Amino acid sequence: MNNLMSSFDFATRTIYIRGDIELGTCEIIDKALIAFRSDGSPPIAISISSRGGSVSAGLHVCDLFNLYKGKKIAFVSGKASSMAAIILQVCDVRICTPHAEILIHGTTQQLSYDIYNSKRRMKRFERTVRKLQQATEAILSKRTGLSVKKLRSLYDRRLSAQEALKYHLIDQIL
C-alpha cells in the first residue's frame, strides 16, 4: 500500500487522486461527490498523480464519476498509470502537464496457487480477468475512438503528453 492518500478540498472543489487506487479511494471520492452534489453539482477539478491500483476499485471510481452530473476537469501531473489512466477517460476534460506520462496496459490480477491448481477455479479466474479487461478496453475505446487492437499496441508504453494527445487519451497539454 502506498502512503500517499487521495483526498478532497471542498473549498476549491478539487479531488486529489494520489497513490494506489483502492477501496479507500472509492470511499473518499464518494464522500466528496456527495458533498459536491449537496452544493448543486458544480464543476470539479480532479488532480491525478497515481500509478494505478485495483481494477475493481478503479471501475467503482469510474461509476461514481459517471453518476456525477457536474463537469469533471482532470489534471494529470507526474503520471496517470494503469487504472488512473482509465479513470482519466471518464472525465469531461482531460489536461496533462508537459512532462507527465500516461500508461495503459492489459488487466493483471494476482493468482494464488489454489486457483492455479484447480481447473474450475482457473476458468473462473480467466473469465473474471477477461471481463475486467473488456470493461477497461470499452472505456478507453469509447473515449479515444481507437480500436481495441490499436489500444493493445499502446500497452506497456509510457506515453509522453504529446503521444497521449496524439492517441486521444487527453484533450490538451498545459
N, C-alpha and C. Protein backbone atom coordinates (compact mmCIF):
# COMPACT_ATOMS: atom_id res chain seq x y z
N MET A 1 0.84 -1.18 0.00
CA MET A 1 0.00 0.00 0.00
C MET A 1 0.88 1.24 0.00
N ASN A 2 0.50 2.22 -0.78
CA ASN A 2 1.22 3.48 -0.89
C ASN A 2 0.78 4.40 0.24
N ASN A 3 1.72 5.15 0.86
CA ASN A 3 1.31 6.01 1.96
C ASN A 3 0.82 7.38 1.48
N LEU A 4 0.79 7.64 0.18
CA LEU A 4 0.13 8.83 -0.32
C LEU A 4 -1.37 8.56 -0.28
N MET A 5 -2.15 9.58 0.02
CA MET A 5 -3.59 9.37 0.17
C MET A 5 -4.37 10.25 -0.80
N SER A 6 -5.45 9.73 -1.28
CA SER A 6 -6.39 10.53 -2.04
C SER A 6 -7.18 11.37 -1.04
N SER A 7 -7.64 12.54 -1.49
CA SER A 7 -8.36 13.43 -0.60
C SER A 7 -9.21 14.38 -1.44
N PHE A 8 -9.93 15.27 -0.77
CA PHE A 8 -10.66 16.31 -1.50
C PHE A 8 -10.69 17.58 -0.69
N ASP A 9 -10.85 18.69 -1.40
CA ASP A 9 -10.91 20.01 -0.79
C ASP A 9 -12.22 20.64 -1.25
N PHE A 10 -13.18 20.77 -0.32
CA PHE A 10 -14.49 21.29 -0.67
C PHE A 10 -14.41 22.73 -1.15
N ALA A 11 -13.56 23.55 -0.51
CA ALA A 11 -13.46 24.97 -0.86
C ALA A 11 -13.02 25.18 -2.30
N THR A 12 -12.07 24.38 -2.76
CA THR A 12 -11.57 24.54 -4.14
C THR A 12 -12.25 23.59 -5.12
N ARG A 13 -13.15 22.76 -4.60
CA ARG A 13 -13.87 21.77 -5.42
C ARG A 13 -12.89 20.87 -6.18
N THR A 14 -11.93 20.36 -5.44
CA THR A 14 -10.89 19.52 -6.04
C THR A 14 -10.81 18.17 -5.35
N ILE A 15 -10.74 17.12 -6.17
CA ILE A 15 -10.48 15.77 -5.68
C ILE A 15 -9.06 15.43 -6.09
N TYR A 16 -8.28 14.93 -5.15
CA TYR A 16 -6.89 14.54 -5.41
C TYR A 16 -6.81 13.02 -5.42
N ILE A 17 -6.38 12.46 -6.55
CA ILE A 17 -6.17 11.01 -6.64
C ILE A 17 -4.66 10.80 -6.60
N ARG A 18 -4.20 10.31 -5.46
CA ARG A 18 -2.77 10.11 -5.21
C ARG A 18 -2.55 8.69 -4.74
N GLY A 19 -1.38 8.16 -5.02
CA GLY A 19 -1.05 6.84 -4.52
C GLY A 19 -1.86 5.75 -5.19
N ASP A 20 -1.98 4.63 -4.50
CA ASP A 20 -2.68 3.47 -5.04
C ASP A 20 -4.19 3.66 -5.01
N ILE A 21 -4.85 3.25 -6.08
CA ILE A 21 -6.31 3.30 -6.14
C ILE A 21 -6.82 2.01 -5.52
N GLU A 22 -7.56 2.17 -4.44
CA GLU A 22 -8.04 1.03 -3.66
C GLU A 22 -9.41 1.38 -3.07
N LEU A 23 -9.94 0.51 -2.24
CA LEU A 23 -11.26 0.74 -1.65
C LEU A 23 -11.34 2.08 -0.93
N GLY A 24 -10.30 2.46 -0.21
CA GLY A 24 -10.29 3.75 0.49
C GLY A 24 -10.44 4.92 -0.46
N THR A 25 -9.88 4.79 -1.66
CA THR A 25 -10.02 5.84 -2.68
C THR A 25 -11.49 6.01 -3.04
N CYS A 26 -12.19 4.91 -3.22
CA CYS A 26 -13.62 4.94 -3.55
C CYS A 26 -14.41 5.66 -2.47
N GLU A 27 -14.11 5.35 -1.23
CA GLU A 27 -14.83 5.96 -0.11
C GLU A 27 -14.61 7.47 -0.07
N ILE A 28 -13.38 7.91 -0.27
CA ILE A 28 -13.07 9.34 -0.26
C ILE A 28 -13.78 10.04 -1.41
N ILE A 29 -13.73 9.47 -2.59
CA ILE A 29 -14.36 10.10 -3.75
C ILE A 29 -15.88 10.11 -3.61
N ASP A 30 -16.45 9.04 -3.07
CA ASP A 30 -17.90 9.00 -2.84
C ASP A 30 -18.31 10.12 -1.88
N LYS A 31 -17.58 10.29 -0.78
CA LYS A 31 -17.89 11.37 0.18
C LYS A 31 -17.76 12.74 -0.47
N ALA A 32 -16.71 12.91 -1.29
CA ALA A 32 -16.51 14.19 -1.96
C ALA A 32 -17.67 14.50 -2.90
N LEU A 33 -18.07 13.52 -3.68
CA LEU A 33 -19.14 13.76 -4.65
C LEU A 33 -20.49 14.00 -3.97
N ILE A 34 -20.72 13.35 -2.84
CA ILE A 34 -21.94 13.64 -2.06
C ILE A 34 -21.92 15.09 -1.60
N ALA A 35 -20.77 15.53 -1.10
CA ALA A 35 -20.64 16.92 -0.64
C ALA A 35 -20.84 17.89 -1.81
N PHE A 36 -20.26 17.60 -2.96
CA PHE A 36 -20.40 18.48 -4.11
C PHE A 36 -21.83 18.48 -4.65
N ARG A 37 -22.51 17.34 -4.59
CA ARG A 37 -23.92 17.28 -5.02
C ARG A 37 -24.79 18.17 -4.12
N SER A 38 -24.48 18.17 -2.82
CA SER A 38 -25.26 19.00 -1.89
C SER A 38 -25.06 20.49 -2.17
N ASP A 39 -24.02 20.81 -2.94
CA ASP A 39 -23.74 22.19 -3.33
C ASP A 39 -24.18 22.46 -4.77
N GLY A 40 -25.04 21.59 -5.31
CA GLY A 40 -25.60 21.82 -6.64
C GLY A 40 -24.81 21.22 -7.80
N SER A 41 -23.93 20.27 -7.52
CA SER A 41 -23.12 19.60 -8.56
C SER A 41 -22.32 20.58 -9.42
N PRO A 42 -21.50 21.42 -8.78
CA PRO A 42 -20.70 22.39 -9.55
C PRO A 42 -19.59 21.68 -10.32
N PRO A 43 -18.96 22.39 -11.26
CA PRO A 43 -17.78 21.81 -11.92
C PRO A 43 -16.72 21.50 -10.86
N ILE A 44 -16.02 20.38 -11.05
CA ILE A 44 -14.97 20.00 -10.10
C ILE A 44 -13.67 19.72 -10.83
N ALA A 45 -12.58 19.89 -10.12
CA ALA A 45 -11.26 19.54 -10.64
C ALA A 45 -10.85 18.21 -10.03
N ILE A 46 -10.20 17.39 -10.83
CA ILE A 46 -9.68 16.11 -10.35
C ILE A 46 -8.19 16.11 -10.67
N SER A 47 -7.39 16.14 -9.64
CA SER A 47 -5.94 16.16 -9.80
C SER A 47 -5.43 14.74 -9.66
N ILE A 48 -4.78 14.23 -10.73
CA ILE A 48 -4.33 12.84 -10.76
C ILE A 48 -2.82 12.76 -10.83
N SER A 49 -2.25 12.00 -9.91
CA SER A 49 -0.84 11.60 -9.96
C SER A 49 -0.78 10.25 -9.27
N SER A 50 -0.93 9.19 -10.05
CA SER A 50 -1.08 7.86 -9.47
C SER A 50 -0.54 6.80 -10.42
N ARG A 51 0.00 5.75 -9.81
CA ARG A 51 0.49 4.62 -10.61
C ARG A 51 -0.61 3.58 -10.84
N GLY A 52 -1.81 3.84 -10.35
CA GLY A 52 -2.94 2.94 -10.56
C GLY A 52 -3.26 2.14 -9.33
N GLY A 53 -3.81 0.96 -9.53
CA GLY A 53 -4.18 0.12 -8.40
C GLY A 53 -5.21 -0.92 -8.80
N SER A 54 -6.13 -1.18 -7.91
CA SER A 54 -7.14 -2.22 -8.08
C SER A 54 -8.08 -1.89 -9.25
N VAL A 55 -8.27 -2.86 -10.13
CA VAL A 55 -9.18 -2.68 -11.27
C VAL A 55 -10.61 -2.50 -10.75
N SER A 56 -11.02 -3.31 -9.82
CA SER A 56 -12.39 -3.21 -9.28
C SER A 56 -12.62 -1.85 -8.63
N ALA A 57 -11.67 -1.40 -7.83
CA ALA A 57 -11.80 -0.08 -7.19
C ALA A 57 -11.81 1.02 -8.25
N GLY A 58 -10.95 0.90 -9.25
CA GLY A 58 -10.91 1.90 -10.30
C GLY A 58 -12.20 1.97 -11.10
N LEU A 59 -12.78 0.83 -11.40
CA LEU A 59 -14.06 0.83 -12.11
C LEU A 59 -15.17 1.42 -11.24
N HIS A 60 -15.10 1.20 -9.93
CA HIS A 60 -16.05 1.82 -9.00
C HIS A 60 -15.92 3.34 -9.06
N VAL A 61 -14.68 3.84 -9.07
CA VAL A 61 -14.45 5.29 -9.18
C VAL A 61 -15.03 5.81 -10.51
N CYS A 62 -14.81 5.07 -11.59
CA CYS A 62 -15.39 5.47 -12.88
C CYS A 62 -16.91 5.60 -12.78
N ASP A 63 -17.55 4.62 -12.15
CA ASP A 63 -19.01 4.66 -11.98
C ASP A 63 -19.43 5.88 -11.16
N LEU A 64 -18.70 6.15 -10.08
CA LEU A 64 -19.02 7.32 -9.24
C LEU A 64 -18.92 8.61 -10.05
N PHE A 65 -17.86 8.76 -10.83
CA PHE A 65 -17.72 9.97 -11.65
C PHE A 65 -18.79 10.04 -12.74
N ASN A 66 -19.12 8.91 -13.33
CA ASN A 66 -20.17 8.90 -14.37
C ASN A 66 -21.52 9.31 -13.81
N LEU A 67 -21.78 9.02 -12.54
CA LEU A 67 -23.05 9.40 -11.91
C LEU A 67 -23.10 10.89 -11.55
N TYR A 68 -21.95 11.53 -11.45
CA TYR A 68 -21.90 12.94 -11.06
C TYR A 68 -22.29 13.80 -12.27
N LYS A 69 -23.29 14.68 -12.10
CA LYS A 69 -23.83 15.46 -13.22
C LYS A 69 -23.00 16.69 -13.56
N GLY A 70 -22.20 17.19 -12.62
CA GLY A 70 -21.39 18.37 -12.89
C GLY A 70 -20.21 18.06 -13.79
N LYS A 71 -19.61 19.12 -14.32
CA LYS A 71 -18.45 18.97 -15.20
C LYS A 71 -17.24 18.49 -14.40
N LYS A 72 -16.49 17.55 -14.98
CA LYS A 72 -15.31 16.98 -14.33
C LYS A 72 -14.08 17.32 -15.17
N ILE A 73 -13.19 18.13 -14.61
CA ILE A 73 -11.98 18.55 -15.33
C ILE A 73 -10.79 17.90 -14.64
N ALA A 74 -10.10 17.03 -15.37
CA ALA A 74 -8.97 16.29 -14.78
C ALA A 74 -7.65 16.91 -15.21
N PHE A 75 -6.73 16.95 -14.25
CA PHE A 75 -5.37 17.44 -14.48
C PHE A 75 -4.40 16.34 -14.08
N VAL A 76 -3.53 15.95 -15.00
CA VAL A 76 -2.52 14.94 -14.69
C VAL A 76 -1.18 15.62 -14.56
N SER A 77 -0.53 15.38 -13.43
CA SER A 77 0.85 15.81 -13.25
C SER A 77 1.62 14.59 -12.78
N GLY A 78 2.82 14.42 -13.25
CA GLY A 78 3.57 13.22 -12.90
C GLY A 78 3.18 12.08 -13.80
N LYS A 79 2.17 11.32 -13.35
CA LYS A 79 1.73 10.18 -14.17
C LYS A 79 0.30 9.79 -13.86
N ALA A 80 -0.32 9.20 -14.86
CA ALA A 80 -1.60 8.53 -14.71
C ALA A 80 -1.38 7.16 -15.34
N SER A 81 -1.09 6.20 -14.51
CA SER A 81 -0.79 4.85 -14.99
C SER A 81 -1.92 3.90 -14.64
N SER A 82 -2.10 2.90 -15.49
CA SER A 82 -2.99 1.80 -15.19
C SER A 82 -4.41 2.32 -14.94
N MET A 83 -4.99 2.03 -13.79
CA MET A 83 -6.37 2.45 -13.52
C MET A 83 -6.52 3.96 -13.44
N ALA A 84 -5.47 4.67 -13.09
CA ALA A 84 -5.55 6.14 -13.08
C ALA A 84 -5.80 6.65 -14.50
N ALA A 85 -5.19 6.00 -15.50
CA ALA A 85 -5.41 6.38 -16.89
C ALA A 85 -6.83 6.06 -17.34
N ILE A 86 -7.41 5.00 -16.80
CA ILE A 86 -8.80 4.65 -17.13
C ILE A 86 -9.75 5.66 -16.49
N ILE A 87 -9.52 5.99 -15.23
CA ILE A 87 -10.36 6.99 -14.55
C ILE A 87 -10.31 8.31 -15.29
N LEU A 88 -9.14 8.69 -15.77
CA LEU A 88 -8.98 9.92 -16.54
C LEU A 88 -9.96 9.97 -17.72
N GLN A 89 -10.24 8.83 -18.32
CA GLN A 89 -11.08 8.79 -19.52
C GLN A 89 -12.55 9.13 -19.25
N VAL A 90 -13.02 9.02 -18.01
CA VAL A 90 -14.42 9.32 -17.73
C VAL A 90 -14.63 10.79 -17.34
N CYS A 91 -13.55 11.56 -17.36
CA CYS A 91 -13.66 12.99 -17.07
C CYS A 91 -14.03 13.75 -18.35
N ASP A 92 -14.73 14.88 -18.20
CA ASP A 92 -15.19 15.64 -19.35
C ASP A 92 -14.04 16.32 -20.09
N VAL A 93 -13.08 16.84 -19.34
CA VAL A 93 -11.90 17.49 -19.92
C VAL A 93 -10.68 16.85 -19.29
N ARG A 94 -9.71 16.47 -20.14
CA ARG A 94 -8.50 15.78 -19.67
C ARG A 94 -7.28 16.60 -20.05
N ILE A 95 -6.62 17.16 -19.03
CA ILE A 95 -5.48 18.06 -19.24
C ILE A 95 -4.25 17.43 -18.61
N CYS A 96 -3.12 17.60 -19.28
CA CYS A 96 -1.87 16.98 -18.83
C CYS A 96 -0.76 18.03 -18.79
N THR A 97 0.10 17.92 -17.81
CA THR A 97 1.28 18.80 -17.80
C THR A 97 2.25 18.31 -18.87
N PRO A 98 3.15 19.16 -19.34
CA PRO A 98 4.03 18.80 -20.45
C PRO A 98 4.91 17.57 -20.22
N HIS A 99 5.30 17.31 -18.98
CA HIS A 99 6.22 16.20 -18.72
C HIS A 99 5.55 15.01 -18.05
N ALA A 100 4.24 15.01 -18.00
CA ALA A 100 3.50 13.89 -17.41
C ALA A 100 3.52 12.70 -18.36
N GLU A 101 3.25 11.52 -17.81
CA GLU A 101 3.19 10.29 -18.60
C GLU A 101 1.87 9.58 -18.37
N ILE A 102 1.41 8.94 -19.43
CA ILE A 102 0.20 8.13 -19.37
C ILE A 102 0.61 6.70 -19.73
N LEU A 103 0.15 5.73 -18.93
CA LEU A 103 0.46 4.32 -19.20
C LEU A 103 -0.82 3.51 -19.15
N ILE A 104 -1.09 2.79 -20.23
CA ILE A 104 -2.20 1.83 -20.23
C ILE A 104 -1.61 0.45 -20.43
N HIS A 105 -2.30 -0.55 -19.92
CA HIS A 105 -1.82 -1.93 -20.08
C HIS A 105 -2.98 -2.90 -19.90
N GLY A 106 -2.72 -4.15 -20.19
CA GLY A 106 -3.73 -5.18 -20.01
C GLY A 106 -4.01 -5.41 -18.53
N THR A 107 -5.16 -5.95 -18.24
CA THR A 107 -5.57 -6.22 -16.86
C THR A 107 -4.69 -7.29 -16.24
N THR A 108 -4.24 -7.03 -15.03
CA THR A 108 -3.47 -8.02 -14.28
C THR A 108 -4.16 -8.29 -12.95
N GLN A 109 -4.08 -9.51 -12.50
CA GLN A 109 -4.66 -9.91 -11.23
C GLN A 109 -3.71 -10.90 -10.57
N GLN A 110 -3.71 -10.91 -9.26
CA GLN A 110 -2.89 -11.89 -8.55
C GLN A 110 -3.51 -13.27 -8.66
N LEU A 111 -2.66 -14.25 -8.80
CA LEU A 111 -3.10 -15.63 -8.94
C LEU A 111 -2.50 -16.44 -7.81
N SER A 112 -3.35 -17.02 -6.99
CA SER A 112 -2.86 -17.86 -5.90
C SER A 112 -2.65 -19.29 -6.39
N TYR A 113 -1.86 -20.03 -5.67
CA TYR A 113 -1.58 -21.42 -6.03
C TYR A 113 -2.86 -22.25 -6.02
N ASP A 114 -3.77 -21.96 -5.09
CA ASP A 114 -5.03 -22.70 -5.03
C ASP A 114 -5.83 -22.56 -6.33
N ILE A 115 -5.82 -21.38 -6.90
CA ILE A 115 -6.52 -21.17 -8.17
C ILE A 115 -5.77 -21.88 -9.28
N TYR A 116 -4.48 -21.71 -9.32
CA TYR A 116 -3.64 -22.32 -10.36
C TYR A 116 -3.79 -23.84 -10.38
N ASN A 117 -3.99 -24.41 -9.22
CA ASN A 117 -4.05 -25.86 -9.06
C ASN A 117 -5.44 -26.44 -9.32
N SER A 118 -6.43 -25.61 -9.63
CA SER A 118 -7.79 -26.08 -9.84
C SER A 118 -8.30 -25.60 -11.20
N LYS A 119 -8.66 -26.55 -12.07
CA LYS A 119 -9.14 -26.18 -13.41
C LYS A 119 -10.40 -25.33 -13.32
N ARG A 120 -11.31 -25.70 -12.42
CA ARG A 120 -12.57 -24.95 -12.27
C ARG A 120 -12.30 -23.52 -11.81
N ARG A 121 -11.47 -23.38 -10.81
CA ARG A 121 -11.14 -22.04 -10.31
C ARG A 121 -10.36 -21.24 -11.34
N MET A 122 -9.50 -21.91 -12.07
CA MET A 122 -8.71 -21.23 -13.10
C MET A 122 -9.61 -20.69 -14.20
N LYS A 123 -10.61 -21.46 -14.61
CA LYS A 123 -11.55 -20.99 -15.63
C LYS A 123 -12.34 -19.77 -15.12
N ARG A 124 -12.76 -19.82 -13.87
CA ARG A 124 -13.48 -18.69 -13.27
C ARG A 124 -12.58 -17.46 -13.21
N PHE A 125 -11.33 -17.67 -12.82
CA PHE A 125 -10.35 -16.59 -12.75
C PHE A 125 -10.16 -15.96 -14.15
N GLU A 126 -10.01 -16.80 -15.16
CA GLU A 126 -9.83 -16.31 -16.53
C GLU A 126 -11.03 -15.50 -16.99
N ARG A 127 -12.25 -15.97 -16.67
CA ARG A 127 -13.47 -15.23 -17.03
C ARG A 127 -13.50 -13.87 -16.35
N THR A 128 -13.12 -13.84 -15.08
CA THR A 128 -13.12 -12.58 -14.34
C THR A 128 -12.13 -11.59 -14.94
N VAL A 129 -10.93 -12.05 -15.21
CA VAL A 129 -9.91 -11.16 -15.79
C VAL A 129 -10.35 -10.68 -17.17
N ARG A 130 -10.91 -11.56 -17.98
CA ARG A 130 -11.39 -11.19 -19.31
C ARG A 130 -12.49 -10.12 -19.19
N LYS A 131 -13.40 -10.29 -18.24
CA LYS A 131 -14.49 -9.33 -18.04
C LYS A 131 -13.95 -7.95 -17.64
N LEU A 132 -12.98 -7.94 -16.73
CA LEU A 132 -12.36 -6.68 -16.31
C LEU A 132 -11.61 -6.03 -17.47
N GLN A 133 -10.92 -6.84 -18.25
CA GLN A 133 -10.19 -6.35 -19.42
C GLN A 133 -11.16 -5.71 -20.42
N GLN A 134 -12.27 -6.37 -20.67
CA GLN A 134 -13.27 -5.84 -21.61
C GLN A 134 -13.85 -4.52 -21.10
N ALA A 135 -14.05 -4.42 -19.81
CA ALA A 135 -14.61 -3.19 -19.23
C ALA A 135 -13.63 -2.02 -19.40
N THR A 136 -12.36 -2.25 -19.10
CA THR A 136 -11.39 -1.15 -19.24
C THR A 136 -11.17 -0.80 -20.71
N GLU A 137 -11.14 -1.80 -21.58
CA GLU A 137 -10.96 -1.51 -23.01
C GLU A 137 -12.17 -0.77 -23.58
N ALA A 138 -13.36 -1.08 -23.09
CA ALA A 138 -14.56 -0.38 -23.56
C ALA A 138 -14.50 1.10 -23.19
N ILE A 139 -14.06 1.40 -21.98
CA ILE A 139 -13.93 2.80 -21.55
C ILE A 139 -12.91 3.52 -22.42
N LEU A 140 -11.76 2.90 -22.62
CA LEU A 140 -10.70 3.51 -23.44
C LEU A 140 -11.15 3.70 -24.88
N SER A 141 -11.73 2.68 -25.47
CA SER A 141 -12.13 2.73 -26.87
C SER A 141 -13.22 3.77 -27.10
N LYS A 142 -14.19 3.79 -26.20
CA LYS A 142 -15.30 4.75 -26.34
C LYS A 142 -14.79 6.18 -26.30
N ARG A 143 -13.89 6.47 -25.38
CA ARG A 143 -13.43 7.86 -25.20
C ARG A 143 -12.41 8.27 -26.26
N THR A 144 -11.52 7.36 -26.65
CA THR A 144 -10.46 7.73 -27.59
C THR A 144 -10.86 7.55 -29.04
N GLY A 145 -11.86 6.69 -29.29
CA GLY A 145 -12.23 6.38 -30.66
C GLY A 145 -11.29 5.37 -31.31
N LEU A 146 -10.34 4.84 -30.53
CA LEU A 146 -9.38 3.86 -31.05
C LEU A 146 -9.94 2.45 -30.95
N SER A 147 -9.54 1.61 -31.88
CA SER A 147 -9.94 0.21 -31.81
C SER A 147 -9.21 -0.48 -30.66
N VAL A 148 -9.76 -1.58 -30.20
CA VAL A 148 -9.11 -2.35 -29.14
C VAL A 148 -7.74 -2.82 -29.63
N LYS A 149 -7.64 -3.19 -30.90
CA LYS A 149 -6.36 -3.63 -31.45
C LYS A 149 -5.33 -2.50 -31.36
N LYS A 150 -5.71 -1.29 -31.70
CA LYS A 150 -4.78 -0.16 -31.63
C LYS A 150 -4.41 0.13 -30.17
N LEU A 151 -5.40 0.09 -29.28
CA LEU A 151 -5.13 0.31 -27.86
C LEU A 151 -4.11 -0.70 -27.34
N ARG A 152 -4.29 -1.96 -27.71
CA ARG A 152 -3.37 -3.00 -27.25
C ARG A 152 -1.95 -2.77 -27.77
N SER A 153 -1.82 -2.14 -28.92
CA SER A 153 -0.48 -1.83 -29.44
C SER A 153 0.21 -0.75 -28.60
N LEU A 154 -0.56 -0.02 -27.81
CA LEU A 154 -0.01 1.04 -26.95
C LEU A 154 0.28 0.54 -25.54
N TYR A 155 -0.12 -0.69 -25.24
CA TYR A 155 0.05 -1.23 -23.89
C TYR A 155 1.52 -1.24 -23.48
N ASP A 156 1.72 -0.94 -22.20
CA ASP A 156 3.03 -1.01 -21.54
C ASP A 156 4.06 -0.03 -22.11
N ARG A 157 3.59 1.00 -22.78
CA ARG A 157 4.47 2.08 -23.22
C ARG A 157 4.16 3.31 -22.39
N ARG A 158 5.18 3.92 -21.85
CA ARG A 158 4.98 5.18 -21.13
C ARG A 158 4.83 6.28 -22.17
N LEU A 159 3.60 6.73 -22.35
CA LEU A 159 3.32 7.73 -23.37
C LEU A 159 3.58 9.13 -22.83
N SER A 160 4.30 9.93 -23.59
CA SER A 160 4.51 11.33 -23.22
C SER A 160 3.19 12.07 -23.37
N ALA A 161 3.15 13.28 -22.89
CA ALA A 161 1.94 14.10 -23.03
C ALA A 161 1.61 14.27 -24.51
N GLN A 162 2.61 14.49 -25.34
CA GLN A 162 2.38 14.64 -26.79
C GLN A 162 1.79 13.37 -27.40
N GLU A 163 2.34 12.21 -27.02
CA GLU A 163 1.81 10.95 -27.54
C GLU A 163 0.39 10.71 -27.04
N ALA A 164 0.14 11.00 -25.77
CA ALA A 164 -1.21 10.83 -25.21
C ALA A 164 -2.21 11.71 -25.95
N LEU A 165 -1.81 12.90 -26.31
CA LEU A 165 -2.68 13.80 -27.08
C LEU A 165 -2.92 13.22 -28.48
N LYS A 166 -1.88 12.73 -29.11
CA LYS A 166 -1.99 12.13 -30.45
C LYS A 166 -2.99 10.98 -30.46
N TYR A 167 -3.00 10.16 -29.39
CA TYR A 167 -3.87 9.00 -29.33
C TYR A 167 -5.18 9.28 -28.59
N HIS A 168 -5.48 10.54 -28.35
CA HIS A 168 -6.76 10.98 -27.77
C HIS A 168 -6.98 10.50 -26.34
N LEU A 169 -5.90 10.21 -25.61
CA LEU A 169 -6.02 9.85 -24.20
C LEU A 169 -6.16 11.07 -23.32
N ILE A 170 -5.79 12.24 -23.86
CA ILE A 170 -6.00 13.54 -23.20
C ILE A 170 -6.53 14.51 -24.23
N ASP A 171 -7.03 15.67 -23.76
CA ASP A 171 -7.57 16.68 -24.64
C ASP A 171 -6.62 17.84 -24.89
N GLN A 172 -5.77 18.11 -23.90
CA GLN A 172 -4.84 19.22 -24.06
C GLN A 172 -3.65 19.11 -23.12
N ILE A 173 -2.60 19.83 -23.47
CA ILE A 173 -1.39 19.90 -22.65
C ILE A 173 -1.27 21.33 -22.15
N LEU A 174 -1.00 21.49 -20.87
CA LEU A 174 -0.84 22.84 -20.31
C LEU A 174 0.36 23.54 -20.92
